[in-house]
PDB file of N, CA and C in Angstrom:
ATOM      1  N   MET A   1      -7.280 -13.986  -4.367  1.00  0.00           N
ATOM      2  CA  MET A   1      -7.756 -14.601  -5.967  1.00  0.00           C
ATOM      3  C   MET A   1      -6.962 -14.402  -6.558  1.00  0.00           C
ATOM      4  N   LEU A   2      -6.119 -13.148  -7.404  1.00  0.00           N
ATOM      5  CA  LEU A   2      -5.108 -13.150  -7.845  1.00  0.00           C
ATOM      6  C   LEU A   2      -3.787 -14.253  -8.034  1.00  0.00           C
ATOM      7  N   ASN A   3      -3.695 -14.608  -7.046  1.00  0.00           N
ATOM      8  CA  ASN A   3      -3.281 -15.795  -7.167  1.00  0.00           C
ATOM      9  C   ASN A   3      -3.228 -17.182  -7.631  1.00  0.00           C
ATOM     10  N   CYS A   4      -4.686 -17.314  -7.142  1.00  0.00           N
ATOM     11  CA  CYS A   4      -5.528 -18.752  -7.790  1.00  0.00           C
ATOM     12  C   CYS A   4      -5.819 -18.185  -9.848  1.00  0.00           C
ATOM     13  N   CYS A   5      -6.141 -17.166 -10.410  1.00  0.00           N
ATOM     14  CA  CYS A   5      -5.883 -17.122 -11.532  1.00  0.00           C
ATOM     15  C   CYS A   5      -4.472 -16.663 -12.381  1.00  0.00           C
ATOM     16  N   SER A   6      -3.491 -16.101 -11.748  1.00  0.00           N
ATOM     17  CA  SER A   6      -2.213 -16.358 -12.372  1.00  0.00           C
ATOM     18  C   SER A   6      -2.049 -17.927 -12.593  1.00  0.00           C
ATOM     19  N   LEU A   7      -2.036 -18.755 -11.140  1.00  0.00           N
ATOM     20  CA  LEU A   7      -1.339 -19.892 -11.505  1.00  0.00           C
ATOM     21  C   LEU A   7      -2.605 -20.892 -12.417  1.00  0.00           C
ATOM     22  N   ASP A   8      -3.878 -20.739 -12.030  1.00  0.00           N
ATOM     23  CA  ASP A   8      -4.612 -21.379 -12.915  1.00  0.00           C
ATOM     24  C   ASP A   8      -4.098 -21.089 -15.225  1.00  0.00           C
ATOM     25  N   TRP A   9      -3.027 -19.606 -15.032  1.00  0.00           N
ATOM     26  CA  TRP A   9      -2.994 -19.437 -16.432  1.00  0.00           C
ATOM     27  C   TRP A   9      -1.590 -19.521 -16.507  1.00  0.00           C
ATOM     28  N   ILE A  10      -0.363 -19.392 -15.694  1.00  0.00           N
ATOM     29  CA  ILE A  10       0.747 -19.869 -16.073  1.00  0.00           C
ATOM     30  C   ILE A  10       1.085 -21.607 -15.750  1.00  0.00           C
ATOM     31  N   GLY A  11       0.293 -21.857 -14.782  1.00  0.00           N
ATOM     32  CA  GLY A  11       1.258 -23.515 -14.070  1.00  0.00           C
ATOM     33  C   GLY A  11       0.590 -24.288 -15.571  1.00  0.00           C
ATOM     34  N   PRO A  12      -0.247 -24.401 -16.059  1.00  0.00           N
ATOM     35  CA  PRO A  12      -0.518 -25.461 -17.205  1.00  0.00           C
ATOM     36  C   PRO A  12       0.127 -24.868 -18.267  1.00  0.00           C
ATOM     37  N   ILE A  13       1.156 -23.832 -18.510  1.00  0.00           N
ATOM     38  CA  ILE A  13       1.735 -23.434 -19.692  1.00  0.00           C
ATOM     39  C   ILE A  13       3.515 -24.025 -18.872  1.00  0.00           C
ATOM     40  N   MET A  14       3.543 -23.070 -17.667  1.00  0.00           N
ATOM     41  CA  MET A  14       4.915 -23.845 -18.013  1.00  0.00           C
ATOM     42  C   MET A  14       4.952 -25.395 -17.712  1.00  0.00           C
ATOM     43  N   GLU A  15       4.007 -26.310 -16.944  1.00  0.00           N
ATOM     44  CA  GLU A  15       4.490 -27.591 -17.147  1.00  0.00           C
ATOM     45  C   GLU A  15       4.325 -28.410 -18.108  1.00  0.00           C
ATOM     46  N   ASP A  16       3.722 -27.858 -19.390  1.00  0.00           N
ATOM     47  CA  ASP A  16       3.420 -28.162 -20.562  1.00  0.00           C
ATOM     48  C   ASP A  16       5.231 -28.041 -20.994  1.00  0.00           C
ATOM     49  N   LEU A  17       6.074 -27.337 -21.244  1.00  0.00           N
ATOM     50  CA  LEU A  17       7.328 -26.619 -21.086  1.00  0.00           C
ATOM     51  C   LEU A  17       8.463 -26.965 -20.591  1.00  0.00           C
ATOM     52  N   SER A  18       8.361 -27.851 -19.119  1.00  0.00           N
ATOM     53  CA  SER A  18       9.194 -28.088 -18.306  1.00  0.00           C
ATOM     54  C   SER A  18       9.224 -29.793 -18.098  1.00  0.00           C
ATOM     55  N   GLY A  19       7.883 -29.531 -18.155  1.00  0.00           N
ATOM     56  CA  GLY A  19       7.763 -31.175 -17.607  1.00  0.00           C
ATOM     57  C   GLY A  19       7.349 -31.092 -16.186  1.00  0.00           C
ATOM     58  N   PRO A  20       6.619 -32.174 -15.611  1.00  0.00           N
ATOM     59  CA  PRO A  20       5.877 -32.271 -14.377  1.00  0.00           C
ATOM     60  C   PRO A  20       7.261 -31.918 -13.146  1.00  0.00           C
ATOM     61  N   LYS A  21       8.823 -32.300 -13.713  1.00  0.00           N
ATOM     62  CA  LYS A  21       9.518 -32.553 -12.964  1.00  0.00           C
ATOM     63  C   LYS A  21      10.435 -31.384 -12.292  1.00  0.00           C
ATOM     64  N   ARG A  22      10.881 -30.869 -13.749  1.00  0.00           N
ATOM     65  CA  ARG A  22      11.221 -29.253 -13.668  1.00  0.00           C
ATOM     66  C   ARG A  22      10.209 -28.057 -12.824  1.00  0.00           C
ATOM     67  N   TYR A  23       9.017 -27.970 -13.724  1.00  0.00           N
ATOM     68  CA  TYR A  23       7.507 -27.867 -13.092  1.00  0.00           C
ATOM     69  C   TYR A  23       7.894 -27.174 -11.006  1.00  0.00           C
ATOM     70  N   LEU A  24       7.577 -28.662 -10.992  1.00  0.00           N
ATOM     71  CA  LEU A  24       7.846 -29.075  -9.106  1.00  0.00           C
ATOM     72  C   LEU A  24       8.851 -28.102  -8.526  1.00  0.00           C
ATOM     73  N   ALA A  25      10.301 -28.477  -9.557  1.00  0.00           N
ATOM     74  CA  ALA A  25      11.197 -27.969  -9.215  1.00  0.00           C
ATOM     75  C   ALA A  25      11.282 -26.381  -9.421  1.00  0.00           C
ATOM     76  N   ILE A  26      11.081 -25.926  -9.709  1.00  0.00           N
ATOM     77  CA  ILE A  26      11.047 -24.628 -10.206  1.00  0.00           C
ATOM     78  C   ILE A  26       9.690 -23.707  -9.246  1.00  0.00           C
ATOM     79  N   TYR A  27       8.350 -24.100  -9.092  1.00  0.00           N
ATOM     80  CA  TYR A  27       8.152 -24.409  -8.000  1.00  0.00           C
ATOM     81  C   TYR A  27       8.349 -23.840  -6.539  1.00  0.00           C
ATOM     82  N   MET A  28       8.751 -25.234  -6.366  1.00  0.00           N
ATOM     83  CA  MET A  28       9.349 -25.114  -4.969  1.00  0.00           C
ATOM     84  C   MET A  28      10.486 -24.013  -4.647  1.00  0.00           C
ATOM     85  N   THR A  29      11.905 -24.273  -5.247  1.00  0.00           N
ATOM     86  CA  THR A  29      12.806 -23.215  -5.679  1.00  0.00           C
ATOM     87  C   THR A  29      12.425 -21.932  -5.644  1.00  0.00           C
ATOM     88  N   SER A  30      11.474 -21.133  -6.266  1.00  0.00           N
ATOM     89  CA  SER A  30      10.614 -20.109  -6.423  1.00  0.00           C
ATOM     90  C   SER A  30      10.136 -19.750  -5.031  1.00  0.00           C
ATOM     91  N   ALA A  31       9.859 -20.830  -3.560  1.00  0.00           N
ATOM     92  CA  ALA A  31       8.451 -20.476  -3.130  1.00  0.00           C
ATOM     93  C   ALA A  31       9.680 -20.531  -1.608  1.00  0.00           C
ATOM     94  N   VAL A  32      10.824 -20.948  -2.032  1.00  0.00           N
ATOM     95  CA  VAL A  32      12.117 -21.410  -0.693  1.00  0.00           C
ATOM     96  C   VAL A  32      12.534 -20.129  -0.649  1.00  0.00           C
ATOM     97  N   ALA A  33      12.976 -19.156  -1.877  1.00  0.00           N
ATOM     98  CA  ALA A  33      13.665 -18.426  -2.219  1.00  0.00           C
ATOM     99  C   ALA A  33      12.667 -17.565  -1.490  1.00  0.00           C
ATOM    100  N   CYS A  34      11.360 -17.052  -1.998  1.00  0.00           N
ATOM    101  CA  CYS A  34      10.525 -15.949  -1.458  1.00  0.00           C
ATOM    102  C   CYS A  34      10.348 -16.012  -0.184  1.00  0.00           C
ATOM    103  N   SER A  35      10.675 -17.184   0.601  1.00  0.00           N
ATOM    104  CA  SER A  35      10.165 -17.143   1.933  1.00  0.00           C
ATOM    105  C   SER A  35      11.409 -16.644   2.610  1.00  0.00           C
ATOM    106  N   THR A  36      12.257 -17.237   2.333  1.00  0.00           N
ATOM    107  CA  THR A  36      13.826 -16.981   2.607  1.00  0.00           C
ATOM    108  C   THR A  36      14.312 -15.023   2.573  1.00  0.00           C
ATOM    109  N   MET A  37      13.631 -14.392   1.664  1.00  0.00           N
ATOM    110  CA  MET A  37      13.823 -12.995   1.052  1.00  0.00           C
ATOM    111  C   MET A  37      12.870 -12.081   2.220  1.00  0.00           C
ATOM    112  N   SER A  38      12.056 -12.606   2.558  1.00  0.00           N
ATOM    113  CA  SER A  38      10.563 -12.420   3.034  1.00  0.00           C
ATOM    114  C   SER A  38      11.284 -12.762   4.808  1.00  0.00           C
ATOM    115  N   TYR A  39      11.588 -13.487   5.029  1.00  0.00           N
ATOM    116  CA  TYR A  39      12.452 -13.594   6.147  1.00  0.00           C
ATOM    117  C   TYR A  39      13.315 -12.750   6.454  1.00  0.00           C
ATOM    118  N   TRP A  40      14.166 -12.838   5.710  1.00  0.00           N
ATOM    119  CA  TRP A  40      15.216 -11.570   5.853  1.00  0.00           C
ATOM    120  C   TRP A  40      15.082  -9.747   5.964  1.00  0.00           C
ATOM    121  N   PHE A  41      13.889  -9.785   5.215  1.00  0.00           N
ATOM    122  CA  PHE A  41      13.467  -8.449   4.835  1.00  0.00           C
ATOM    123  C   PHE A  41      12.191  -7.867   5.625  1.00  0.00           C
ATOM    124  N   CYS A  42      11.156  -8.750   5.670  1.00  0.00           N
ATOM    125  CA  CYS A  42      10.164  -8.171   6.219  1.00  0.00           C
ATOM    126  C   CYS A  42      10.188  -8.510   7.361  1.00  0.00           C
ATOM    127  N   GLN A  43       9.300  -7.517   8.419  1.00  0.00           N
ATOM    128  CA  GLN A  43       9.384  -6.876   8.934  1.00  0.00           C
ATOM    129  C   GLN A  43       7.889  -7.849   9.970  1.00  0.00           C
ATOM    130  N   GLY A  44       7.366  -8.403   9.007  1.00  0.00           N
ATOM    131  CA  GLY A  44       6.367  -8.930   9.384  1.00  0.00           C
ATOM    132  C   GLY A  44       5.956 -10.544   9.168  1.00  0.00           C
ATOM    133  N   SER A  45       5.048 -11.353   9.782  1.00  0.00           N
ATOM    134  CA  SER A  45       5.005 -12.805   8.610  1.00  0.00           C
ATOM    135  C   SER A  45       4.739 -13.004   7.369  1.00  0.00           C
ATOM    136  N   ALA A  46       4.992 -13.591   6.829  1.00  0.00           N
ATOM    137  CA  ALA A  46       4.259 -13.732   5.508  1.00  0.00           C
ATOM    138  C   ALA A  46       3.554 -15.154   5.461  1.00  0.00           C
ATOM    139  N   VAL A  47       2.733 -14.987   4.766  1.00  0.00           N
ATOM    140  CA  VAL A  47       2.069 -16.186   3.753  1.00  0.00           C
ATOM    141  C   VAL A  47       1.479 -16.146   2.727  1.00  0.00           C
ATOM    142  N   GLY A  48       1.326 -17.187   1.820  1.00  0.00           N
ATOM    143  CA  GLY A  48       1.041 -17.579   0.716  1.00  0.00           C
ATOM    144  C   GLY A  48       1.687 -18.028  -0.461  1.00  0.00           C
ATOM    145  N   ALA A  49       1.218 -18.329  -1.623  1.00  0.00           N
ATOM    146  CA  ALA A  49       2.043 -18.512  -2.898  1.00  0.00           C
ATOM    147  C   ALA A  49       2.039 -17.438  -4.013  1.00  0.00           C
ATOM    148  N   SER A  50       2.280 -16.626  -3.650  1.00  0.00           N
ATOM    149  CA  SER A  50       2.230 -15.466  -5.008  1.00  0.00           C
ATOM    150  C   SER A  50       3.865 -15.747  -5.364  1.00  0.00           C
ATOM    151  N   GLY A  51       5.209 -16.013  -3.962  1.00  0.00           N
ATOM    152  CA  GLY A  51       6.056 -16.293  -4.545  1.00  0.00           C
ATOM    153  C   GLY A  51       6.378 -17.535  -5.396  1.00  0.00           C
ATOM    154  N   ALA A  52       6.237 -18.517  -5.516  1.00  0.00           N
ATOM    155  CA  ALA A  52       5.806 -19.440  -6.025  1.00  0.00           C
ATOM    156  C   ALA A  52       5.552 -18.991  -7.700  1.00  0.00           C
ATOM    157  N   ILE A  53       4.848 -18.293  -7.247  1.00  0.00           N
ATOM    158  CA  ILE A  53       3.865 -18.431  -8.729  1.00  0.00           C
ATOM    159  C   ILE A  53       4.630 -16.920  -9.792  1.00  0.00           C
ATOM    160  N   PHE A  54       5.424 -16.037  -8.618  1.00  0.00           N
ATOM    161  CA  PHE A  54       6.076 -15.230  -9.493  1.00  0.00           C
ATOM    162  C   PHE A  54       7.330 -15.968 -10.090  1.00  0.00           C
ATOM    163  N   GLY A  55       8.024 -16.788  -9.445  1.00  0.00           N
ATOM    164  CA  GLY A  55       9.026 -17.259  -9.947  1.00  0.00           C
ATOM    165  C   GLY A  55       8.126 -18.580 -11.212  1.00  0.00           C
ATOM    166  N   LEU A  56       6.930 -19.160 -11.167  1.00  0.00           N
ATOM    167  CA  LEU A  56       6.916 -19.780 -12.720  1.00  0.00           C
ATOM    168  C   LEU A  56       7.032 -18.645 -13.803  1.00  0.00           C
ATOM    169  N   VAL A  57       6.371 -17.365 -13.247  1.00  0.00           N
ATOM    170  CA  VAL A  57       6.018 -16.393 -14.251  1.00  0.00           C
ATOM    171  C   VAL A  57       7.105 -15.646 -14.498  1.00  0.00           C
ATOM    172  N   GLY A  58       7.889 -15.681 -13.682  1.00  0.00           N
ATOM    173  CA  GLY A  58       9.830 -15.418 -14.310  1.00  0.00           C
ATOM    174  C   GLY A  58       9.981 -16.508 -15.122  1.00  0.00           C
ATOM    175  N   SER A  59       9.976 -17.794 -15.397  1.00  0.00           N
ATOM    176  CA  SER A  59      10.865 -19.031 -15.659  1.00  0.00           C
ATOM    177  C   SER A  59      10.132 -18.403 -17.156  1.00  0.00           C
ATOM    178  N   TYR A  60       8.653 -18.308 -17.080  1.00  0.00           N
ATOM    179  CA  TYR A  60       7.770 -18.119 -18.665  1.00  0.00           C
ATOM    180  C   TYR A  60       8.746 -17.170 -19.195  1.00  0.00           C
ATOM    181  N   ALA A  61       9.242 -15.781 -18.478  1.00  0.00           N
ATOM    182  CA  ALA A  61       9.617 -14.530 -19.184  1.00  0.00           C
ATOM    183  C   ALA A  61      10.371 -15.449 -20.113  1.00  0.00           C
ATOM    184  N   VAL A  62      11.632 -15.669 -19.072  1.00  0.00           N
ATOM    185  CA  VAL A  62      13.215 -16.266 -19.489  1.00  0.00           C
ATOM    186  C   VAL A  62      12.940 -17.353 -20.682  1.00  0.00           C
ATOM    187  N   TYR A  63      12.162 -18.012 -20.319  1.00  0.00           N
ATOM    188  CA  TYR A  63      11.508 -18.755 -21.914  1.00  0.00           C
ATOM    189  C   TYR A  63      11.922 -18.686 -22.694  1.00  0.00           C
ATOM    190  N   LEU A  64      10.307 -17.168 -22.390  1.00  0.00           N
ATOM    191  CA  LEU A  64      10.353 -16.608 -24.026  1.00  0.00           C
ATOM    192  C   LEU A  64      11.165 -15.491 -24.682  1.00  0.00           C
ATOM    193  N   ILE A  65      11.969 -15.105 -23.331  1.00  0.00           N
ATOM    194  CA  ILE A  65      13.262 -14.228 -23.940  1.00  0.00           C
ATOM    195  C   ILE A  65      14.295 -15.030 -24.944  1.00  0.00           C
ATOM    196  N   ARG A  66      14.514 -16.454 -24.502  1.00  0.00           N
ATOM    197  CA  ARG A  66      15.339 -16.797 -24.775  1.00  0.00           C
ATOM    198  C   ARG A  66      15.028 -17.380 -26.543  1.00  0.00           C
ATOM    199  N   HIS A  67      13.836 -18.074 -26.584  1.00  0.00           N
ATOM    200  CA  HIS A  67      13.114 -19.013 -27.427  1.00  0.00           C
ATOM    201  C   HIS A  67      11.994 -18.344 -27.863  1.00  0.00           C
ATOM    202  N   LYS A  68      12.502 -16.865 -28.828  1.00  0.00           N
ATOM    203  CA  LYS A  68      11.694 -15.998 -29.025  1.00  0.00           C
ATOM    204  C   LYS A  68      11.483 -16.527 -30.908  1.00  0.00           C
ATOM    205  N   ASN A  69      12.285 -17.351 -31.094  1.00  0.00           N
ATOM    206  CA  ASN A  69      11.908 -18.074 -32.662  1.00  0.00           C
ATOM    207  C   ASN A  69      11.347 -19.114 -32.688  1.00  0.00           C
ATOM    208  N   MET A  70      10.620 -19.531 -31.549  1.00  0.00           N
ATOM    209  CA  MET A  70       9.812 -20.777 -31.654  1.00  0.00           C
ATOM    210  C   MET A  70       8.710 -20.031 -30.704  1.00  0.00           C
ATOM    211  N   VAL A  71       8.345 -19.423 -30.451  1.00  0.00           N
ATOM    212  CA  VAL A  71       6.979 -18.446 -29.910  1.00  0.00           C
ATOM    213  C   VAL A  71       6.760 -17.719 -31.016  1.00  0.00           C
ATOM    214  N   ASP A  72       5.372 -17.567 -31.355  1.00  0.00           N
ATOM    215  CA  ASP A  72       5.147 -16.802 -33.024  1.00  0.00           C
ATOM    216  C   ASP A  72       4.423 -15.736 -32.027  1.00  0.00           C
ATOM    217  N   ASN A  73       3.947 -15.497 -31.356  1.00  0.00           N
ATOM    218  CA  ASN A  73       3.434 -14.015 -30.765  1.00  0.00           C
ATOM    219  C   ASN A  73       4.310 -14.183 -29.393  1.00  0.00           C
ATOM    220  N   TRP A  74       5.538 -14.061 -29.374  1.00  0.00           N
ATOM    221  CA  TRP A  74       7.000 -14.383 -28.314  1.00  0.00           C
ATOM    222  C   TRP A  74       5.950 -12.600 -27.694  1.00  0.00           C
ATOM    223  N   ALA A  75       6.290 -11.761 -28.371  1.00  0.00           N
ATOM    224  CA  ALA A  75       5.961 -10.017 -27.715  1.00  0.00           C
ATOM    225  C   ALA A  75       4.508  -9.863 -27.160  1.00  0.00           C
ATOM    226  N   GLU A  76       3.190 -10.868 -27.333  1.00  0.00           N
ATOM    227  CA  GLU A  76       2.255 -10.121 -27.054  1.00  0.00           C
ATOM    228  C   GLU A  76       2.408 -11.064 -25.504  1.00  0.00           C
ATOM    229  N   GLU A  77       3.130 -12.455 -25.625  1.00  0.00           N
ATOM    230  CA  GLU A  77       3.109 -13.300 -24.247  1.00  0.00           C
ATOM    231  C   GLU A  77       3.754 -12.697 -23.160  1.00  0.00           C
ATOM    232  N   LEU A  78       4.955 -11.993 -23.970  1.00  0.00           N
ATOM    233  CA  LEU A  78       5.878 -11.131 -22.362  1.00  0.00           C
ATOM    234  C   LEU A  78       4.970 -10.050 -21.918  1.00  0.00           C
ATOM    235  N   TRP A  79       4.348  -9.129 -22.852  1.00  0.00           N
ATOM    236  CA  TRP A  79       4.047  -8.016 -22.300  1.00  0.00           C
ATOM    237  C   TRP A  79       3.044  -8.642 -21.118  1.00  0.00           C
ATOM    238  N   ASP A  80       1.908  -9.583 -21.860  1.00  0.00           N
ATOM    239  CA  ASP A  80       0.954 -10.191 -20.874  1.00  0.00           C
ATOM    240  C   ASP A  80       1.838 -10.319 -19.774  1.00  0.00           C
ATOM    241  N   VAL A  81       3.175 -11.197 -19.432  1.00  0.00           N
ATOM    242  CA  VAL A  81       3.956 -11.799 -18.075  1.00  0.00           C
ATOM    243  C   VAL A  81       4.409 -10.308 -17.425  1.00  0.00           C
ATOM    244  N   VAL A  82       4.950  -9.625 -18.081  1.00  0.00           N
ATOM    245  CA  VAL A  82       5.223  -7.887 -17.746  1.00  0.00           C
ATOM    246  C   VAL A  82       4.042  -7.322 -17.156  1.00  0.00           C
ATOM    247  N   SER A  83       2.585  -7.216 -17.735  1.00  0.00           N
ATOM    248  CA  SER A  83       1.294  -6.644 -16.910  1.00  0.00           C
ATOM    249  C   SER A  83       1.092  -7.121 -15.910  1.00  0.00           C
ATOM    250  N   LEU A  84       1.653  -8.463 -15.501  1.00  0.00           N
ATOM    251  CA  LEU A  84       1.126  -9.684 -14.431  1.00  0.00           C
ATOM    252  C   LEU A  84       1.471  -8.997 -13.288  1.00  0.00           C
ATOM    253  N   ILE A  85       3.079  -8.964 -13.700  1.00  0.00           N
ATOM    254  CA  ILE A  85       4.083  -8.559 -12.534  1.00  0.00           C
ATOM    255  C   ILE A  85       4.090  -6.901 -12.346  1.00  0.00           C
ATOM    256  N   ALA A  86       3.770  -6.600 -13.159  1.00  0.00           N
ATOM    257  CA  ALA A  86       3.595  -5.037 -13.036  1.00  0.00           C
ATOM    258  C   ALA A  86       2.106  -4.822 -11.933  1.00  0.00           C
ATOM    259  N   MET A  87       1.404  -5.508 -12.218  1.00  0.00           N
ATOM    260  CA  MET A  87      -0.038  -5.036 -11.841  1.00  0.00           C
ATOM    261  C   MET A  87       0.049  -6.081 -10.210  1.00  0.00           C
ATOM    262  N   ASN A  88       0.601  -6.919  -9.682  1.00  0.00           N
ATOM    263  CA  ASN A  88       1.259  -7.741  -9.107  1.00  0.00           C
ATOM    264  C   ASN A  88       1.806  -6.438  -7.638  1.00  0.00           C
ATOM    265  N   LEU A  89       2.956  -6.189  -8.056  1.00  0.00           N
ATOM    266  CA  LEU A  89       3.896  -4.777  -7.735  1.00  0.00           C
ATOM    267  C   LEU A  89       3.059  -4.196  -7.463  1.00  0.00           C
ATOM    268  N   ALA A  90       1.421  -3.169  -7.688  1.00  0.00           N
ATOM    269  CA  ALA A  90       0.964  -1.584  -7.830  1.00  0.00           C
ATOM    270  C   ALA A  90      -0.084  -2.267  -6.635  1.00  0.00           C
ATOM    271  N   ILE A  91      -0.548  -3.527  -6.348  1.00  0.00           N
ATOM    272  CA  ILE A  91      -0.740  -3.719  -5.851  1.00  0.00           C
ATOM    273  C   ILE A  91      -0.271  -3.797  -4.612  1.00  0.00           C
ATOM    274  N   GLY A  92       0.495  -4.894  -4.541  1.00  0.00           N
ATOM    275  CA  GLY A  92       1.523  -5.323  -3.449  1.00  0.00           C
ATOM    276  C   GLY A  92       1.837  -3.024  -2.583  1.00  0.00           C
ATOM    277  N   CYS A  93       2.470  -2.709  -3.404  1.00  0.00           N
ATOM    278  CA  CYS A  93       2.842  -1.260  -3.364  1.00  0.00           C
ATOM    279  C   CYS A  93       1.941  -0.271  -2.739  1.00  0.00           C
ATOM    280  N   GLU A  94       0.097  -0.444  -3.133  1.00  0.00           N
ATOM    281  CA  GLU A  94      -0.720   0.038  -2.409  1.00  0.00           C
ATOM    282  C   GLU A  94      -1.156  -0.746  -0.989  1.00  0.00           C
ATOM    283  N   LEU A  95      -1.269  -2.335  -1.299  1.00  0.00           N
ATOM    284  CA  LEU A  95      -1.912  -2.706   0.410  1.00  0.00           C
ATOM    285  C   LEU A  95      -0.610  -2.794   1.150  1.00  0.00           C
ATOM    286  N   ARG A  96      -1.203  -2.231   2.795  1.00  0.00           N
ATOM    287  CA  ARG A  96      -0.041  -2.756   3.702  1.00  0.00           C
ATOM    288  C   ARG A  96       0.771  -3.798   3.722  1.00  0.00           C
ATOM    289  N   PHE A  97      -0.495  -5.223   3.753  1.00  0.00           N
ATOM    290  CA  PHE A  97      -0.148  -6.456   4.035  1.00  0.00           C
ATOM    291  C   PHE A  97       0.455  -7.483   3.597  1.00  0.00           C
ATOM    292  N   VAL A  98       0.593  -6.661   2.400  1.00  0.00           N
ATOM    293  CA  VAL A  98       1.140  -7.698   0.748  1.00  0.00           C
ATOM    294  C   VAL A  98       2.778  -7.211   1.050  1.00  0.00           C
ATOM    295  N   ASP A  99       3.144  -8.953   1.478  1.00  0.00           N
ATOM    296  CA  ASP A  99       5.122  -9.025   1.521  1.00  0.00           C
ATOM    297  C   ASP A  99       5.719  -8.585  -0.079  1.00  0.00           C
ATOM    298  N   ASP A 100       6.150  -7.545  -0.739  1.00  0.00           N
ATOM    299  CA  ASP A 100       6.714  -7.318  -1.660  1.00  0.00           C
ATOM    300  C   ASP A 100       8.362  -7.990  -1.904  1.00  0.00           C
ATOM    301  N   TRP A 101       8.201  -8.336  -0.805  1.00  0.00           N
ATOM    302  CA  TRP A 101      10.507  -8.854  -0.370  1.00  0.00           C
ATOM    303  C   TRP A 101       9.684 -10.310  -1.261  1.00  0.00           C
ATOM    304  N   GLY A 102       9.459 -10.993  -1.105  1.00  0.00           N
ATOM    305  CA  GLY A 102       8.705 -12.656  -1.732  1.00  0.00           C
ATOM    306  C   GLY A 102       9.162 -12.188  -3.084  1.00  0.00           C
ATOM    307  N   HIS A 103       8.423 -10.961  -3.686  1.00  0.00           N
ATOM    308  CA  HIS A 103       7.971 -11.327  -5.204  1.00  0.00           C
ATOM    309  C   HIS A 103       9.144 -10.337  -5.779  1.00  0.00           C
ATOM    310  N   VAL A 104       9.820  -9.977  -5.272  1.00  0.00           N
ATOM    311  CA  VAL A 104      10.999  -9.575  -6.228  1.00  0.00           C
ATOM    312  C   VAL A 104      12.470 -10.240  -5.396  1.00  0.00           C
ATOM    313  N   SER A 105      11.961 -11.333  -5.570  1.00  0.00           N
ATOM    314  CA  SER A 105      13.728 -12.188  -5.115  1.00  0.00           C
ATOM    315  C   SER A 105      13.537 -13.255  -6.274  1.00  0.00           C
ATOM    316  N   HIS A 106      13.373 -13.192  -7.344  1.00  0.00           N
ATOM    317  CA  HIS A 106      13.267 -13.849  -8.686  1.00  0.00           C
ATOM    318  C   HIS A 106      14.173 -13.420  -9.620  1.00  0.00           C
TER     319      HIS A 106
END
């Protein structure tokens, strides 16, 4: 459910900022990077879209930092991003079936 809410929040923002082709490239590259890290470092199998979503969130964080003069409330937006990442990592640490290697690969 958290993945759905995160994608609903970050998806339209990143597609507006980057355009549909770059959006898809960021999403797919992040998904592949997540799967690769999970394959190399996780002992169990992993499924899900959280790694791709983390890639979008990380890209948005980079955008906010690099273009802070263009975003009025960039510090608040960046805090939202950091909070979302921290919340996901905390949930991953508490739940043994969540693969954190995919989350931190970005």
